[in-house]
Amino acid sequence: MTKTQKLKICDWVLAVLLPLVLASSIQLEVTSNSGFSPVIFHIIVAVPFMSLVIWHIYLHFQWKRWLAKFSKLKAPTRILWWLYLITFISGIASFIHWLIEGVHGPLGGIHGKIGFLMIAFAVGHTVKRLQFFKNKK
């Protein structure tokens, strides 16, 4: 399987997971994180999504100086990367807080706001590259 084929599979799965992550995020925001099941569902869809983002980056840059390569990318993509990192780190912290306290805390609210911003940038990133999703005959 070629790098392009792997990237296409990765991107299609990300495109399927993104609305699920967004929907579960909205549900958590609207209900102030009430209920065990919505949080678990969010984790179940968000963890593969966040993992596939790393695979997406790996397919583009491998591990060879990929952090240095980010400095050469356009500003929206660099912003998306930093939003991803902050969302990921705050997600882990929110999860730990939720496990210990069992309630939605301010950290979870901050994580949600940053996550919404990340998803907005991800949608923009995807829309700009829609041609990649189309079959080339």
N, C-alpha and C. Protein backbone atom coordinates (compact mmCIF):
# COMPACT_ATOMS: atom_id res chain seq x y z
N MET A 1 0.85 -1.18 0.00
CA MET A 1 0.00 0.00 0.00
C MET A 1 0.90 1.24 0.00
N THR A 2 0.56 2.19 -0.86
CA THR A 2 1.39 3.38 -0.97
C THR A 2 1.06 4.37 0.15
N LYS A 3 1.96 5.33 0.31
CA LYS A 3 1.77 6.38 1.31
C LYS A 3 0.47 7.16 1.03
N THR A 4 0.20 7.44 -0.23
CA THR A 4 -1.01 8.16 -0.61
C THR A 4 -2.26 7.36 -0.26
N GLN A 5 -2.24 6.06 -0.50
CA GLN A 5 -3.39 5.22 -0.16
C GLN A 5 -3.61 5.20 1.36
N LYS A 6 -2.53 5.08 2.12
CA LYS A 6 -2.65 5.10 3.58
C LYS A 6 -3.20 6.44 4.06
N LEU A 7 -2.71 7.51 3.46
CA LEU A 7 -3.17 8.84 3.84
C LEU A 7 -4.65 9.00 3.51
N LYS A 8 -5.08 8.48 2.38
CA LYS A 8 -6.49 8.57 2.01
C LYS A 8 -7.37 7.81 3.01
N ILE A 9 -6.94 6.62 3.40
CA ILE A 9 -7.70 5.84 4.40
C ILE A 9 -7.75 6.60 5.72
N CYS A 10 -6.61 7.08 6.16
CA CYS A 10 -6.54 7.84 7.40
C CYS A 10 -7.46 9.05 7.35
N ASP A 11 -7.41 9.79 6.26
CA ASP A 11 -8.20 11.00 6.14
C ASP A 11 -9.70 10.71 6.08
N TRP A 12 -10.08 9.62 5.41
CA TRP A 12 -11.50 9.25 5.36
C TRP A 12 -12.02 8.85 6.74
N VAL A 13 -11.21 8.11 7.48
CA VAL A 13 -11.63 7.72 8.83
C VAL A 13 -11.72 8.97 9.72
N LEU A 14 -10.77 9.89 9.58
CA LEU A 14 -10.85 11.15 10.32
C LEU A 14 -12.12 11.92 9.95
N ALA A 15 -12.46 11.91 8.66
CA ALA A 15 -13.66 12.62 8.20
C ALA A 15 -14.93 12.00 8.77
N VAL A 16 -14.92 10.69 9.00
CA VAL A 16 -16.08 10.02 9.60
C VAL A 16 -16.14 10.29 11.10
N LEU A 17 -14.98 10.26 11.75
CA LEU A 17 -14.94 10.44 13.21
C LEU A 17 -15.19 11.89 13.63
N LEU A 18 -14.78 12.84 12.81
CA LEU A 18 -14.89 14.25 13.19
C LEU A 18 -16.31 14.65 13.56
N PRO A 19 -17.34 14.32 12.76
CA PRO A 19 -18.70 14.70 13.19
C PRO A 19 -19.15 14.00 14.48
N LEU A 20 -18.66 12.78 14.69
CA LEU A 20 -19.01 12.08 15.93
C LEU A 20 -18.37 12.76 17.14
N VAL A 21 -17.12 13.16 16.99
CA VAL A 21 -16.43 13.88 18.07
C VAL A 21 -17.13 15.21 18.32
N LEU A 22 -17.47 15.91 17.23
CA LEU A 22 -18.15 17.20 17.38
C LEU A 22 -19.51 17.03 18.06
N ALA A 23 -20.28 16.04 17.62
CA ALA A 23 -21.61 15.81 18.21
C ALA A 23 -21.50 15.46 19.69
N SER A 24 -20.56 14.59 20.03
CA SER A 24 -20.41 14.22 21.45
C SER A 24 -19.90 15.41 22.26
N SER A 25 -19.08 16.26 21.65
CA SER A 25 -18.61 17.47 22.34
C SER A 25 -19.75 18.43 22.61
N ILE A 26 -20.60 18.60 21.61
CA ILE A 26 -21.75 19.50 21.78
C ILE A 26 -22.67 18.96 22.86
N GLN A 27 -22.90 17.64 22.85
CA GLN A 27 -23.76 17.04 23.87
C GLN A 27 -23.19 17.30 25.27
N LEU A 28 -21.88 17.10 25.43
CA LEU A 28 -21.27 17.34 26.74
C LEU A 28 -21.37 18.81 27.14
N GLU A 29 -21.20 19.69 26.17
CA GLU A 29 -21.28 21.13 26.46
C GLU A 29 -22.70 21.53 26.85
N VAL A 30 -23.68 21.06 26.11
CA VAL A 30 -25.07 21.43 26.37
C VAL A 30 -25.56 20.88 27.70
N THR A 31 -25.16 19.65 28.02
CA THR A 31 -25.64 19.02 29.25
C THR A 31 -24.71 19.22 30.44
N SER A 32 -23.69 20.03 30.27
CA SER A 32 -22.67 20.25 31.31
C SER A 32 -22.10 18.92 31.80
N ASN A 33 -21.86 18.03 30.84
CA ASN A 33 -21.21 16.75 31.12
C ASN A 33 -22.02 15.89 32.07
N SER A 34 -23.34 15.92 31.94
CA SER A 34 -24.14 15.09 32.85
C SER A 34 -24.28 13.68 32.31
N GLY A 35 -23.84 12.75 33.07
CA GLY A 35 -23.99 11.35 32.69
C GLY A 35 -22.69 10.67 32.35
N PHE A 36 -22.64 9.43 32.72
CA PHE A 36 -21.46 8.60 32.50
C PHE A 36 -21.33 8.23 31.02
N SER A 37 -22.42 7.79 30.42
CA SER A 37 -22.39 7.29 29.04
C SER A 37 -21.93 8.33 28.01
N PRO A 38 -22.41 9.58 28.08
CA PRO A 38 -21.92 10.56 27.10
C PRO A 38 -20.41 10.81 27.18
N VAL A 39 -19.89 10.80 28.39
CA VAL A 39 -18.44 10.99 28.56
C VAL A 39 -17.69 9.80 27.96
N ILE A 40 -18.15 8.60 28.25
CA ILE A 40 -17.50 7.40 27.71
C ILE A 40 -17.57 7.40 26.19
N PHE A 41 -18.74 7.76 25.64
CA PHE A 41 -18.86 7.81 24.18
C PHE A 41 -17.88 8.82 23.60
N HIS A 42 -17.76 9.99 24.24
CA HIS A 42 -16.82 11.01 23.76
C HIS A 42 -15.39 10.46 23.77
N ILE A 43 -15.04 9.78 24.81
CA ILE A 43 -13.70 9.19 24.90
C ILE A 43 -13.50 8.14 23.81
N ILE A 44 -14.53 7.31 23.59
CA ILE A 44 -14.43 6.24 22.59
C ILE A 44 -14.23 6.79 21.18
N VAL A 45 -14.83 7.93 20.86
CA VAL A 45 -14.65 8.49 19.51
C VAL A 45 -13.46 9.45 19.44
N ALA A 46 -13.15 10.11 20.55
CA ALA A 46 -12.08 11.11 20.53
C ALA A 46 -10.68 10.49 20.54
N VAL A 47 -10.51 9.40 21.28
CA VAL A 47 -9.17 8.78 21.35
C VAL A 47 -8.72 8.28 19.98
N PRO A 48 -9.55 7.53 19.23
CA PRO A 48 -9.11 7.14 17.88
C PRO A 48 -8.91 8.35 16.97
N PHE A 49 -9.75 9.37 17.10
CA PHE A 49 -9.59 10.57 16.29
C PHE A 49 -8.24 11.22 16.55
N MET A 50 -7.93 11.42 17.82
CA MET A 50 -6.65 12.06 18.16
C MET A 50 -5.46 11.20 17.75
N SER A 51 -5.61 9.88 17.85
CA SER A 51 -4.54 8.96 17.43
C SER A 51 -4.33 9.02 15.93
N LEU A 52 -5.43 9.09 15.19
CA LEU A 52 -5.32 9.17 13.73
C LEU A 52 -4.70 10.48 13.26
N VAL A 53 -4.87 11.54 14.04
CA VAL A 53 -4.21 12.80 13.71
C VAL A 53 -2.69 12.60 13.73
N ILE A 54 -2.20 11.88 14.74
CA ILE A 54 -0.76 11.59 14.80
C ILE A 54 -0.34 10.75 13.61
N TRP A 55 -1.15 9.75 13.25
CA TRP A 55 -0.82 8.92 12.08
C TRP A 55 -0.82 9.77 10.81
N HIS A 56 -1.77 10.69 10.70
CA HIS A 56 -1.85 11.61 9.56
C HIS A 56 -0.55 12.42 9.44
N ILE A 57 -0.10 12.95 10.57
CA ILE A 57 1.14 13.73 10.57
C ILE A 57 2.32 12.84 10.22
N TYR A 58 2.35 11.63 10.80
CA TYR A 58 3.42 10.69 10.50
C TYR A 58 3.48 10.37 9.01
N LEU A 59 2.33 10.14 8.40
CA LEU A 59 2.30 9.81 6.97
C LEU A 59 2.85 10.95 6.12
N HIS A 60 2.67 12.17 6.59
CA HIS A 60 3.23 13.32 5.86
C HIS A 60 4.73 13.47 6.07
N PHE A 61 5.18 13.34 7.32
CA PHE A 61 6.55 13.72 7.67
C PHE A 61 7.42 12.59 8.21
N GLN A 62 6.86 11.41 8.46
CA GLN A 62 7.53 10.35 9.20
C GLN A 62 8.03 10.94 10.52
N TRP A 63 9.05 10.38 11.12
CA TRP A 63 9.53 10.93 12.39
C TRP A 63 10.78 11.77 12.20
N LYS A 64 11.17 11.98 10.96
CA LYS A 64 12.40 12.71 10.67
C LYS A 64 12.18 14.21 10.80
N ARG A 65 12.59 14.75 11.90
CA ARG A 65 12.54 16.19 12.13
C ARG A 65 11.17 16.79 11.84
N TRP A 66 10.11 16.05 12.16
CA TRP A 66 8.78 16.54 11.81
C TRP A 66 8.38 17.75 12.61
N LEU A 67 8.89 17.90 13.82
CA LEU A 67 8.58 19.12 14.58
C LEU A 67 9.19 20.34 13.92
N ALA A 68 10.40 20.19 13.39
CA ALA A 68 11.04 21.30 12.69
C ALA A 68 10.29 21.64 11.40
N LYS A 69 9.71 20.64 10.77
CA LYS A 69 8.97 20.87 9.53
C LYS A 69 7.69 21.68 9.76
N PHE A 70 7.15 21.62 10.97
CA PHE A 70 5.95 22.40 11.27
C PHE A 70 6.20 23.89 11.14
N SER A 71 7.42 24.33 11.43
CA SER A 71 7.72 25.76 11.35
C SER A 71 7.64 26.28 9.93
N LYS A 72 7.71 25.38 8.94
CA LYS A 72 7.66 25.79 7.54
C LYS A 72 6.24 25.76 6.98
N LEU A 73 5.29 25.26 7.75
CA LEU A 73 3.91 25.19 7.29
C LEU A 73 3.23 26.55 7.39
N LYS A 74 2.11 26.69 6.68
CA LYS A 74 1.36 27.94 6.74
C LYS A 74 0.73 28.09 8.13
N ALA A 75 0.46 29.33 8.49
CA ALA A 75 -0.03 29.66 9.84
C ALA A 75 -1.25 28.85 10.27
N PRO A 76 -2.29 28.68 9.44
CA PRO A 76 -3.46 27.92 9.92
C PRO A 76 -3.12 26.48 10.31
N THR A 77 -2.21 25.85 9.58
CA THR A 77 -1.82 24.47 9.90
C THR A 77 -1.00 24.44 11.18
N ARG A 78 -0.12 25.42 11.37
CA ARG A 78 0.64 25.49 12.62
C ARG A 78 -0.29 25.74 13.80
N ILE A 79 -1.27 26.61 13.61
CA ILE A 79 -2.25 26.87 14.68
C ILE A 79 -3.02 25.60 15.00
N LEU A 80 -3.42 24.87 13.96
CA LEU A 80 -4.12 23.60 14.15
C LEU A 80 -3.27 22.65 14.98
N TRP A 81 -1.99 22.58 14.71
CA TRP A 81 -1.09 21.70 15.47
C TRP A 81 -1.07 22.08 16.95
N TRP A 82 -0.92 23.39 17.24
CA TRP A 82 -0.87 23.83 18.63
C TRP A 82 -2.21 23.62 19.32
N LEU A 83 -3.30 23.84 18.61
CA LEU A 83 -4.62 23.56 19.18
C LEU A 83 -4.78 22.07 19.47
N TYR A 84 -4.26 21.24 18.57
CA TYR A 84 -4.31 19.79 18.79
C TYR A 84 -3.58 19.44 20.09
N LEU A 85 -2.36 19.96 20.24
CA LEU A 85 -1.57 19.64 21.45
C LEU A 85 -2.27 20.10 22.72
N ILE A 86 -2.79 21.31 22.70
CA ILE A 86 -3.46 21.82 23.90
C ILE A 86 -4.73 21.02 24.18
N THR A 87 -5.47 20.66 23.12
CA THR A 87 -6.68 19.85 23.29
C THR A 87 -6.33 18.49 23.85
N PHE A 88 -5.28 17.88 23.33
CA PHE A 88 -4.86 16.56 23.78
C PHE A 88 -4.45 16.58 25.26
N ILE A 89 -3.60 17.53 25.61
CA ILE A 89 -3.11 17.63 26.99
C ILE A 89 -4.24 17.97 27.96
N SER A 90 -5.09 18.92 27.56
CA SER A 90 -6.20 19.28 28.44
C SER A 90 -7.22 18.14 28.52
N GLY A 91 -7.33 17.35 27.46
CA GLY A 91 -8.23 16.19 27.49
C GLY A 91 -7.76 15.15 28.49
N ILE A 92 -6.47 14.90 28.52
CA ILE A 92 -5.92 13.95 29.50
C ILE A 92 -6.15 14.48 30.92
N ALA A 93 -5.87 15.76 31.12
CA ALA A 93 -6.06 16.36 32.45
C ALA A 93 -7.54 16.33 32.85
N SER A 94 -8.43 16.62 31.91
CA SER A 94 -9.87 16.59 32.19
C SER A 94 -10.34 15.18 32.53
N PHE A 95 -9.81 14.21 31.81
CA PHE A 95 -10.17 12.82 32.06
C PHE A 95 -9.74 12.39 33.47
N ILE A 96 -8.52 12.75 33.83
CA ILE A 96 -8.03 12.41 35.17
C ILE A 96 -8.91 13.08 36.24
N HIS A 97 -9.22 14.35 36.03
CA HIS A 97 -10.10 15.05 36.98
C HIS A 97 -11.46 14.37 37.06
N TRP A 98 -12.02 14.00 35.90
CA TRP A 98 -13.33 13.35 35.87
C TRP A 98 -13.29 12.00 36.59
N LEU A 99 -12.19 11.25 36.41
CA LEU A 99 -12.06 9.96 37.11
C LEU A 99 -12.02 10.14 38.62
N ILE A 100 -11.31 11.17 39.07
CA ILE A 100 -11.15 11.39 40.50
C ILE A 100 -12.42 11.99 41.11
N GLU A 101 -12.95 13.02 40.49
CA GLU A 101 -14.08 13.77 41.07
C GLU A 101 -15.44 13.27 40.58
N GLY A 102 -15.47 12.70 39.38
CA GLY A 102 -16.73 12.22 38.84
C GLY A 102 -17.66 13.32 38.35
N VAL A 103 -17.14 14.54 38.23
CA VAL A 103 -17.95 15.66 37.77
C VAL A 103 -17.18 16.48 36.74
N HIS A 104 -17.94 17.27 36.01
CA HIS A 104 -17.38 18.20 35.03
C HIS A 104 -16.78 19.38 35.77
N GLY A 105 -15.53 19.66 35.52
CA GLY A 105 -14.87 20.78 36.17
C GLY A 105 -14.52 21.87 35.20
N PRO A 106 -13.98 22.97 35.69
CA PRO A 106 -13.58 24.08 34.82
C PRO A 106 -12.56 23.65 33.76
N LEU A 107 -11.69 22.72 34.11
CA LEU A 107 -10.71 22.23 33.15
C LEU A 107 -11.39 21.57 31.96
N GLY A 108 -12.46 20.82 32.23
CA GLY A 108 -13.23 20.20 31.15
C GLY A 108 -13.87 21.25 30.26
N GLY A 109 -14.34 22.34 30.86
CA GLY A 109 -14.92 23.43 30.08
C GLY A 109 -13.89 24.09 29.18
N ILE A 110 -12.70 24.31 29.71
CA ILE A 110 -11.62 24.90 28.91
C ILE A 110 -11.23 23.93 27.78
N HIS A 111 -11.12 22.66 28.13
CA HIS A 111 -10.80 21.64 27.12
C HIS A 111 -11.84 21.67 26.00
N GLY A 112 -13.10 21.79 26.37
CA GLY A 112 -14.16 21.82 25.36
C GLY A 112 -14.06 23.01 24.43
N LYS A 113 -13.80 24.19 24.98
CA LYS A 113 -13.69 25.40 24.15
C LYS A 113 -12.50 25.30 23.20
N ILE A 114 -11.38 24.83 23.71
CA ILE A 114 -10.19 24.68 22.85
C ILE A 114 -10.45 23.61 21.80
N GLY A 115 -11.12 22.53 22.21
CA GLY A 115 -11.45 21.45 21.27
C GLY A 115 -12.35 21.93 20.15
N PHE A 116 -13.35 22.77 20.46
CA PHE A 116 -14.22 23.33 19.42
C PHE A 116 -13.41 24.15 18.43
N LEU A 117 -12.49 24.94 18.94
CA LEU A 117 -11.62 25.74 18.07
C LEU A 117 -10.76 24.83 17.19
N MET A 118 -10.23 23.76 17.79
CA MET A 118 -9.43 22.82 17.01
C MET A 118 -10.27 22.18 15.90
N ILE A 119 -11.49 21.79 16.22
CA ILE A 119 -12.35 21.18 15.22
C ILE A 119 -12.66 22.18 14.10
N ALA A 120 -12.87 23.44 14.44
CA ALA A 120 -13.11 24.46 13.41
C ALA A 120 -11.90 24.56 12.47
N PHE A 121 -10.70 24.57 13.03
CA PHE A 121 -9.50 24.62 12.20
C PHE A 121 -9.34 23.33 11.40
N ALA A 122 -9.70 22.20 11.98
CA ALA A 122 -9.60 20.92 11.27
C ALA A 122 -10.57 20.88 10.09
N VAL A 123 -11.77 21.41 10.28
CA VAL A 123 -12.73 21.48 9.18
C VAL A 123 -12.17 22.37 8.07
N GLY A 124 -11.62 23.51 8.42
CA GLY A 124 -11.00 24.39 7.43
C GLY A 124 -9.85 23.71 6.71
N HIS A 125 -9.03 22.99 7.47
CA HIS A 125 -7.90 22.25 6.91
C HIS A 125 -8.40 21.22 5.90
N THR A 126 -9.48 20.55 6.23
CA THR A 126 -10.05 19.53 5.36
C THR A 126 -10.70 20.14 4.12
N VAL A 127 -11.48 21.19 4.31
CA VAL A 127 -12.17 21.83 3.18
C VAL A 127 -11.15 22.33 2.15
N LYS A 128 -10.05 22.87 2.63
CA LYS A 128 -9.03 23.37 1.71
C LYS A 128 -8.41 22.24 0.88
N ARG A 129 -8.51 21.02 1.37
CA ARG A 129 -7.90 19.87 0.69
C ARG A 129 -8.92 18.87 0.16
N LEU A 130 -10.14 19.32 -0.11
CA LEU A 130 -11.20 18.42 -0.58
C LEU A 130 -10.82 17.68 -1.86
N GLN A 131 -10.01 18.28 -2.68
CA GLN A 131 -9.61 17.65 -3.94
C GLN A 131 -8.91 16.32 -3.68
N PHE A 132 -8.20 16.21 -2.56
CA PHE A 132 -7.50 14.95 -2.22
C PHE A 132 -8.47 13.81 -2.03
N PHE A 133 -9.68 14.12 -1.57
CA PHE A 133 -10.68 13.08 -1.31
C PHE A 133 -11.33 12.54 -2.58
N LYS A 134 -11.27 13.34 -3.63
CA LYS A 134 -11.91 12.92 -4.88
C LYS A 134 -11.04 11.89 -5.57
N ASN A 135 -11.70 10.94 -6.21
CA ASN A 135 -10.96 9.91 -6.95
C ASN A 135 -10.29 10.51 -8.17
N LYS A 136 -9.05 10.15 -8.36
CA LYS A 136 -8.32 10.60 -9.54
C LYS A 136 -8.30 9.43 -10.52
N LYS A 137 -8.92 9.65 -11.67
CA LYS A 137 -9.01 8.58 -12.67
C LYS A 137 -8.05 8.82 -13.80
